[in-house]
Amino acid sequence: MILSLFRILQKIESLQSGGEGHFPPGLFPAYRRNRWIGYRRPDTNIFFPAISAFTLQNLLPRIKDEDSRSLIGEIKNRIVAHYPDFQNKDGLKTYNFWRTKPSDHFPHGHIFRRFDHFRIPDDVDDTAMVYLTTSPSREELLWLKEKLVSHANGTRQWVKNTYPEYRELRAYSTWFGKNMYIELDACVLSNLLYCIYHYNLPFNQHDYDSLVYIRSVIESGRYRTEPFRCAHQYPRTPLIIYHVARLIGAFDPLVLRKIKPELIETAQALLSRDPHPMDRVILSTSLIRLGARPAPVSVESYTSRDFKGFWFFIAGLLTAYEYRWLYKMAHSGLFHMYWECEAHCWVLLAEYLALRGV
């Protein structure tokens, strides 16, 4: 079957849960897995629904067909209705990857969910996506900005698990939470800065240093040679390119302008190596955003078989540890949880088609 943009949107809608199985109605089924230990569990999270809502929402200016526009609105509304379930347990306007009332960390599991040690705090990534897909007040946005500063690198503690030259950058951390370690992630920072630019929030040293971190991991080539150290949650070069290109394409920050040629060159080189079908999509999307003209990808003929083996996000189980030998082990796939979400793969196809102008 040749897929049109509207048919892909219909497919995305069909994958929204109707309340059956492990997933509340309106959310997308997702699974966490580790093939090294034969582990696979259904995972009720807001991450994939929220980033899907954000991505689809951003396509609206490019879509004239009223049926498609209406369908995107319906998909998004069903997702947004669940945001309160993932809001900070004390009622603050930050958000968690998993449901918070009561805590539902590592849902549908057998071991990790039983220990508070594995309960994660609210995070910048999910919070940014929730704010970007709702209509927060100016007061709420300014509160968020202050909240971010209170958890930035150097406010309470300094980052340990990064390159020495980044340890004094006052960049934002991935995590909220008083006792949580500081983590710098180029993709998370790209998402957060997108939110800050989108709402035209006051620019400060933390914003600037976050941009400097992103620029440096690209300029130095570390995003190619050591992507895990640059983005613990998105530790692959195509994913880093995708997130940074989205920020540049939308706002063209002055600090990042000189890395555009590097990103274009690397994306084109990766495309020439016959990458995974979904990496071909996100790399081509990135090149379009950066002003290049990649060869068309025949996503109209894609099926769910083309998603096999693709992952967009991970959790590193050892990234918090500051002992050097443990951090070295943190790079191993044995200690990673990989998340799969079929619906989000279809969203990435819809995004590519809309940007390509089909």
Protein backbone atom coordinates (compact mmCIF):
# COMPACT_ATOMS: atom_id res chain seq x y z
CA MET A 1 0.00 0.00 0.00
CA ILE A 2 1.26 3.49 -0.87
CA LEU A 3 0.90 5.63 2.23
CA SER A 4 -0.22 9.23 2.12
CA LEU A 5 0.27 11.64 5.00
CA PHE A 6 -3.40 11.29 5.92
CA ARG A 7 -3.18 7.50 5.98
CA ILE A 8 -0.15 7.71 8.27
CA LEU A 9 -2.08 10.01 10.60
CA GLN A 10 -4.92 7.49 10.60
CA LYS A 11 -2.43 4.77 11.48
CA ILE A 12 -1.10 6.87 14.38
CA GLU A 13 -4.62 7.41 15.68
CA SER A 14 -5.38 3.71 15.42
CA LEU A 15 -2.40 2.99 17.68
CA GLN A 16 -3.73 5.16 20.49
CA SER A 17 -4.85 2.79 23.20
CA GLY A 18 -8.55 2.33 23.73
CA GLY A 19 -7.88 1.41 27.35
CA GLU A 20 -7.13 -2.21 26.68
CA GLY A 21 -4.16 -4.06 28.09
CA HIS A 22 -1.56 -2.07 29.99
CA PHE A 23 -2.17 1.35 28.47
CA PRO A 24 -4.69 4.06 29.41
CA PRO A 25 -6.96 5.27 26.57
CA GLY A 26 -5.27 7.82 24.34
CA LEU A 27 -1.67 6.87 25.15
CA PHE A 28 0.63 5.01 22.77
CA PRO A 29 1.83 1.51 23.63
CA ALA A 30 5.56 1.50 24.31
CA TYR A 31 7.94 -1.17 25.52
CA ARG A 32 11.25 -1.16 27.31
CA ARG A 33 13.66 -3.91 26.50
CA ASN A 34 17.16 -5.25 26.84
CA ARG A 35 17.92 -8.01 24.39
CA TRP A 36 21.09 -8.97 26.27
CA ILE A 37 19.05 -10.34 29.17
CA GLY A 38 15.86 -11.21 27.27
CA TYR A 39 13.90 -8.43 28.97
CA ARG A 40 10.77 -6.79 27.51
CA ARG A 41 7.99 -5.05 29.42
CA PRO A 42 5.05 -2.79 28.48
CA ASP A 43 5.85 0.74 29.62
CA THR A 44 3.23 3.35 30.46
CA ASN A 45 5.04 6.67 29.99
CA ILE A 46 4.22 10.19 28.81
CA PHE A 47 7.46 10.64 26.87
CA PHE A 48 6.43 9.10 23.55
CA PRO A 49 2.89 10.53 23.58
CA ALA A 50 4.18 14.03 24.44
CA ILE A 51 6.96 14.12 21.85
CA SER A 52 4.51 12.75 19.28
CA ALA A 53 2.00 15.47 20.12
CA PHE A 54 4.76 18.08 19.83
CA THR A 55 5.99 16.76 16.48
CA LEU A 56 2.50 16.55 14.97
CA GLN A 57 1.53 19.97 16.31
CA ASN A 58 4.56 21.48 14.56
CA LEU A 59 3.37 20.10 11.23
CA LEU A 60 0.13 22.09 11.22
CA PRO A 61 1.55 25.18 9.43
CA ARG A 62 2.56 22.89 6.55
CA ILE A 63 -0.72 20.99 6.29
CA LYS A 64 -3.68 22.53 4.45
CA ASP A 65 -5.94 19.47 4.38
CA GLU A 66 -8.63 20.03 7.02
CA ASP A 67 -9.16 16.32 7.67
CA SER A 68 -5.48 15.90 8.51
CA ARG A 69 -5.45 18.99 10.68
CA SER A 70 -8.52 17.83 12.55
CA LEU A 71 -7.05 14.38 13.08
CA ILE A 72 -3.86 15.84 14.56
CA GLY A 73 -5.98 17.87 16.97
CA GLU A 74 -7.90 14.79 18.09
CA ILE A 75 -4.71 12.76 18.61
CA LYS A 76 -3.12 15.56 20.61
CA ASN A 77 -6.18 16.20 22.80
CA ARG A 78 -6.34 12.56 23.88
CA ILE A 79 -2.67 12.74 24.90
CA VAL A 80 -2.83 16.06 26.73
CA ALA A 81 -5.71 14.79 28.86
CA HIS A 82 -3.24 12.47 30.61
CA TYR A 83 -0.65 15.08 31.57
CA PRO A 84 -1.99 15.50 35.15
CA ASP A 85 -1.21 11.83 35.82
CA PHE A 86 2.47 12.54 35.22
CA GLN A 87 2.68 15.88 37.03
CA ASN A 88 4.95 16.36 40.03
CA LYS A 89 3.63 14.39 43.00
CA ASP A 90 3.43 17.57 45.11
CA GLY A 91 1.51 19.52 42.48
CA LEU A 92 4.41 21.55 41.05
CA LYS A 93 4.36 22.20 37.29
CA THR A 94 7.13 19.78 36.40
CA TYR A 95 6.56 16.36 34.87
CA ASN A 96 7.81 12.82 35.18
CA PHE A 97 8.48 10.10 32.64
CA TRP A 98 6.14 7.78 34.58
CA ARG A 99 2.89 8.29 36.48
CA THR A 100 3.34 9.89 39.88
CA LYS A 101 0.11 9.49 41.88
CA PRO A 102 0.92 6.91 43.07
CA SER A 103 4.43 6.41 41.77
CA ASP A 104 4.50 3.89 38.94
CA HIS A 105 8.20 3.62 38.10
CA PHE A 106 9.22 0.70 35.91
CA PRO A 107 5.55 -0.19 35.40
CA HIS A 108 4.54 -3.79 34.80
CA GLY A 109 7.98 -4.97 35.93
CA HIS A 110 8.91 -7.45 38.61
CA ILE A 111 12.05 -6.12 40.30
CA PHE A 112 12.94 -2.45 39.69
CA ARG A 113 9.44 -1.21 40.52
CA ARG A 114 9.78 -2.59 44.06
CA PHE A 115 12.74 -0.36 45.00
CA ASP A 116 12.65 3.38 45.63
CA HIS A 117 16.27 3.53 44.45
CA PHE A 118 14.96 3.23 40.88
CA ARG A 119 12.30 5.91 41.25
CA ILE A 120 13.34 8.82 39.05
CA PRO A 121 12.66 12.53 39.66
CA ASP A 122 10.83 14.79 37.23
CA ASP A 123 12.90 15.67 34.21
CA VAL A 124 13.52 18.59 31.87
CA ASP A 125 12.73 16.63 28.70
CA ASP A 126 9.17 15.61 29.55
CA THR A 127 8.50 18.97 31.21
CA ALA A 128 9.58 20.88 28.09
CA MET A 129 7.34 18.75 25.86
CA VAL A 130 4.33 19.23 28.14
CA TYR A 131 4.83 23.00 28.18
CA LEU A 132 5.28 23.06 24.39
CA THR A 133 2.00 21.20 23.79
CA THR A 134 -0.14 23.19 26.24
CA SER A 135 -0.74 26.88 26.90
CA PRO A 136 1.15 27.76 30.09
CA SER A 137 0.70 31.21 31.58
CA ARG A 138 3.56 33.69 31.63
CA GLU A 139 3.71 33.24 35.39
CA GLU A 140 4.09 29.47 34.99
CA LEU A 141 6.83 29.92 32.39
CA LEU A 142 8.83 32.31 34.55
CA TRP A 143 8.42 29.91 37.48
CA LEU A 144 9.80 27.11 35.31
CA LYS A 145 12.79 29.24 34.33
CA GLU A 146 13.67 29.81 37.99
CA LYS A 147 13.15 26.12 38.72
CA LEU A 148 15.58 25.22 35.96
CA VAL A 149 18.20 27.57 37.36
CA SER A 150 17.88 26.03 40.81
CA HIS A 151 18.88 22.63 39.35
CA ALA A 152 21.48 23.81 36.82
CA ASN A 153 25.11 22.81 36.96
CA GLY A 154 26.93 24.70 39.69
CA THR A 155 23.87 25.85 41.61
CA ARG A 156 23.85 23.05 44.19
CA GLN A 157 26.51 20.73 42.82
CA TRP A 158 28.76 20.24 39.82
CA VAL A 159 28.59 17.66 37.06
CA LYS A 160 31.04 14.77 37.34
CA ASN A 161 30.34 12.46 34.39
CA THR A 162 31.44 14.65 31.52
CA TYR A 163 34.61 15.93 29.90
CA PRO A 164 36.75 18.08 32.23
CA GLU A 165 36.32 21.23 30.13
CA TYR A 166 32.53 21.09 30.54
CA ARG A 167 32.43 20.69 34.31
CA GLU A 168 32.18 24.41 35.00
CA LEU A 169 29.64 25.21 32.29
CA ARG A 170 26.52 26.51 34.03
CA ALA A 171 24.32 24.49 31.67
CA TYR A 172 20.98 22.99 32.63
CA SER A 173 20.78 19.48 34.01
CA THR A 174 18.44 16.78 32.72
CA TRP A 175 16.93 16.23 36.14
CA PHE A 176 14.95 18.03 38.80
CA GLY A 177 15.22 16.70 42.36
CA LYS A 178 17.36 17.96 45.23
CA ASN A 179 19.63 14.94 45.49
CA MET A 180 19.82 13.99 41.82
CA TYR A 181 23.17 14.08 40.08
CA ILE A 182 23.86 16.67 37.37
CA GLU A 183 23.70 15.41 33.80
CA LEU A 184 24.43 17.26 30.56
CA ASP A 185 22.70 15.84 27.48
CA ALA A 186 22.89 17.62 24.12
CA CYS A 187 19.48 16.36 22.98
CA VAL A 188 17.69 17.15 26.23
CA LEU A 189 19.24 20.63 26.17
CA SER A 190 18.09 21.09 22.57
CA ASN A 191 14.51 20.27 23.59
CA LEU A 192 14.65 22.58 26.58
CA LEU A 193 16.15 25.45 24.60
CA TYR A 194 13.44 24.96 21.98
CA CYS A 195 10.91 25.60 24.74
CA ILE A 196 12.82 28.64 26.03
CA TYR A 197 13.08 30.18 22.55
CA HIS A 198 9.49 29.29 21.67
CA TYR A 199 8.14 31.23 24.65
CA ASN A 200 10.75 33.99 24.35
CA LEU A 201 11.86 33.55 27.96
CA PRO A 202 14.60 35.77 29.44
CA PHE A 203 18.03 34.64 28.26
CA ASN A 204 20.69 34.02 30.92
CA GLN A 205 24.11 32.44 31.46
CA HIS A 206 22.59 28.98 31.80
CA ASP A 207 20.98 29.27 28.37
CA TYR A 208 24.22 30.48 26.83
CA ASP A 209 26.31 27.75 28.45
CA SER A 210 23.80 25.12 27.35
CA LEU A 211 24.26 26.31 23.77
CA VAL A 212 28.04 26.28 24.23
CA TYR A 213 27.86 22.65 25.37
CA ILE A 214 25.86 21.67 22.30
CA ARG A 215 28.21 23.58 20.00
CA SER A 216 31.31 22.05 21.55
CA VAL A 217 30.24 18.40 21.34
CA ILE A 218 29.53 18.99 17.64
CA GLU A 219 32.66 21.04 16.86
CA SER A 220 34.93 18.60 18.66
CA GLY A 221 33.45 15.61 16.79
CA ARG A 222 32.60 13.92 20.08
CA TYR A 223 28.99 13.47 18.96
CA ARG A 224 30.42 11.17 16.28
CA THR A 225 33.08 9.32 18.27
CA GLU A 226 31.49 9.20 21.75
CA PRO A 227 27.78 9.97 21.45
CA PHE A 228 26.97 8.31 24.77
CA ARG A 229 29.09 10.82 26.68
CA CYS A 230 27.39 13.70 24.84
CA ALA A 231 23.78 12.51 25.27
CA HIS A 232 23.13 9.74 27.78
CA GLN A 233 19.45 9.46 26.84
CA TYR A 234 19.95 9.64 23.06
CA PRO A 235 23.40 8.09 22.55
CA ARG A 236 23.58 7.83 18.77
CA THR A 237 24.93 10.32 16.27
CA PRO A 238 21.75 10.43 14.09
CA LEU A 239 19.64 11.23 17.16
CA ILE A 240 21.95 14.04 18.23
CA ILE A 241 21.87 15.50 14.71
CA TYR A 242 18.06 15.25 14.66
CA HIS A 243 17.58 17.16 17.93
CA VAL A 244 20.16 19.86 17.28
CA ALA A 245 18.93 20.37 13.71
CA ARG A 246 15.37 20.82 14.98
CA LEU A 247 16.51 23.61 17.31
CA ILE A 248 18.59 25.27 14.58
CA GLY A 249 15.85 24.93 11.97
CA ALA A 250 13.31 26.63 14.22
CA PHE A 251 15.37 29.42 15.83
CA ASP A 252 18.86 29.52 14.24
CA PRO A 253 20.67 30.48 17.48
CA LEU A 254 23.72 32.59 16.75
CA VAL A 255 25.93 30.40 18.95
CA LEU A 256 25.12 27.34 16.81
CA ARG A 257 25.38 28.81 13.32
CA LYS A 258 28.92 27.72 12.62
CA ILE A 259 28.18 24.04 13.32
CA LYS A 260 25.60 23.76 10.52
CA PRO A 261 28.17 22.72 7.86
CA GLU A 262 29.52 20.02 10.19
CA LEU A 263 26.05 18.63 10.86
CA ILE A 264 25.19 18.64 7.15
CA GLU A 265 28.43 16.90 6.20
CA THR A 266 28.04 14.21 8.85
CA ALA A 267 24.38 13.58 8.05
CA GLN A 268 25.19 13.20 4.36
CA ALA A 269 28.07 10.85 5.15
CA LEU A 270 25.84 8.69 7.33
CA LEU A 271 23.18 8.55 4.62
CA SER A 272 25.77 7.29 2.14
CA ARG A 273 26.44 4.25 4.37
CA ASP A 274 22.99 2.67 3.96
CA PRO A 275 21.75 3.29 7.52
CA HIS A 276 18.74 1.80 9.27
CA PRO A 277 15.55 2.83 7.40
CA MET A 278 14.44 5.01 10.30
CA ASP A 279 17.85 6.65 10.63
CA ARG A 280 17.55 7.47 6.93
CA VAL A 281 14.29 9.26 7.76
CA ILE A 282 15.55 11.31 10.71
CA LEU A 283 18.80 12.20 8.94
CA SER A 284 16.89 13.37 5.86
CA THR A 285 14.49 15.36 8.05
CA SER A 286 17.51 16.97 9.72
CA LEU A 287 19.09 17.92 6.41
CA ILE A 288 15.86 19.55 5.24
CA ARG A 289 15.79 21.58 8.45
CA LEU A 290 19.40 22.62 7.90
CA GLY A 291 18.63 23.89 4.40
CA ALA A 292 20.04 20.94 2.43
CA ARG A 293 18.26 18.86 -0.20
CA PRO A 294 18.69 15.16 0.48
CA ALA A 295 17.50 12.53 -1.97
CA PRO A 296 13.86 11.56 -1.33
CA VAL A 297 13.18 8.62 0.97
CA SER A 298 10.38 6.31 -0.13
CA VAL A 299 8.60 6.33 3.21
CA GLU A 300 5.26 5.88 1.41
CA SER A 301 6.14 2.18 1.11
CA TYR A 302 7.38 1.73 4.69
CA THR A 303 5.75 -0.84 6.97
CA SER A 304 6.22 -1.62 10.64
CA ARG A 305 8.93 -4.08 9.59
CA ASP A 306 11.11 -1.06 8.81
CA PHE A 307 10.96 -0.05 12.48
CA LYS A 308 12.51 -3.26 13.78
CA GLY A 309 15.73 -2.60 15.69
CA PHE A 310 15.19 1.18 15.82
CA TRP A 311 15.21 2.97 19.15
CA PHE A 312 14.87 6.66 19.86
CA PHE A 313 15.58 6.81 23.59
CA ILE A 314 17.35 4.83 26.31
CA ALA A 315 17.93 4.82 30.04
CA GLY A 316 21.46 4.08 31.21
CA LEU A 317 21.30 2.19 34.49
CA LEU A 318 24.83 3.17 35.55
CA THR A 319 25.11 6.78 34.34
CA ALA A 320 24.52 8.18 37.83
CA TYR A 321 27.60 6.55 39.30
CA GLU A 322 30.71 8.67 39.55
CA TYR A 323 33.26 5.89 40.05
CA ARG A 324 35.35 5.81 36.88
CA TRP A 325 35.19 2.02 36.48
CA LEU A 326 31.40 2.01 36.84
CA TYR A 327 30.99 4.84 34.35
CA LYS A 328 33.09 2.90 31.84
CA MET A 329 30.66 0.01 32.22
CA ALA A 330 27.74 2.42 31.74
CA HIS A 331 28.55 2.57 28.01
CA SER A 332 27.70 -1.11 27.58
CA GLY A 333 24.34 -2.09 26.11
CA LEU A 334 24.08 -4.65 28.90
CA PHE A 335 23.23 -1.76 31.23
CA HIS A 336 20.84 0.10 28.90
CA MET A 337 17.07 -0.03 28.70
CA TYR A 338 15.87 0.60 25.15
CA TRP A 339 12.40 1.98 24.46
CA GLU A 340 10.32 1.06 21.41
CA CYS A 341 7.15 2.81 20.26
CA GLU A 342 5.60 1.98 16.90
CA ALA A 343 3.33 5.02 16.92
CA HIS A 344 6.26 7.41 17.30
CA CYS A 345 7.97 5.81 14.29
CA TRP A 346 4.87 6.62 12.21
CA VAL A 347 5.00 10.16 13.60
CA LEU A 348 8.58 10.48 12.32
CA LEU A 349 7.38 9.37 8.87
CA ALA A 350 4.58 11.94 8.94
CA GLU A 351 7.07 14.61 9.94
CA TYR A 352 9.38 13.76 7.05
CA LEU A 353 6.57 13.78 4.49
CA ALA A 354 5.25 17.13 5.72
CA LEU A 355 8.73 18.71 5.64
CA ARG A 356 9.41 17.25 2.23
CA GLY A 357 6.25 18.90 1.00
CA VAL A 358 4.28 15.81 -0.01
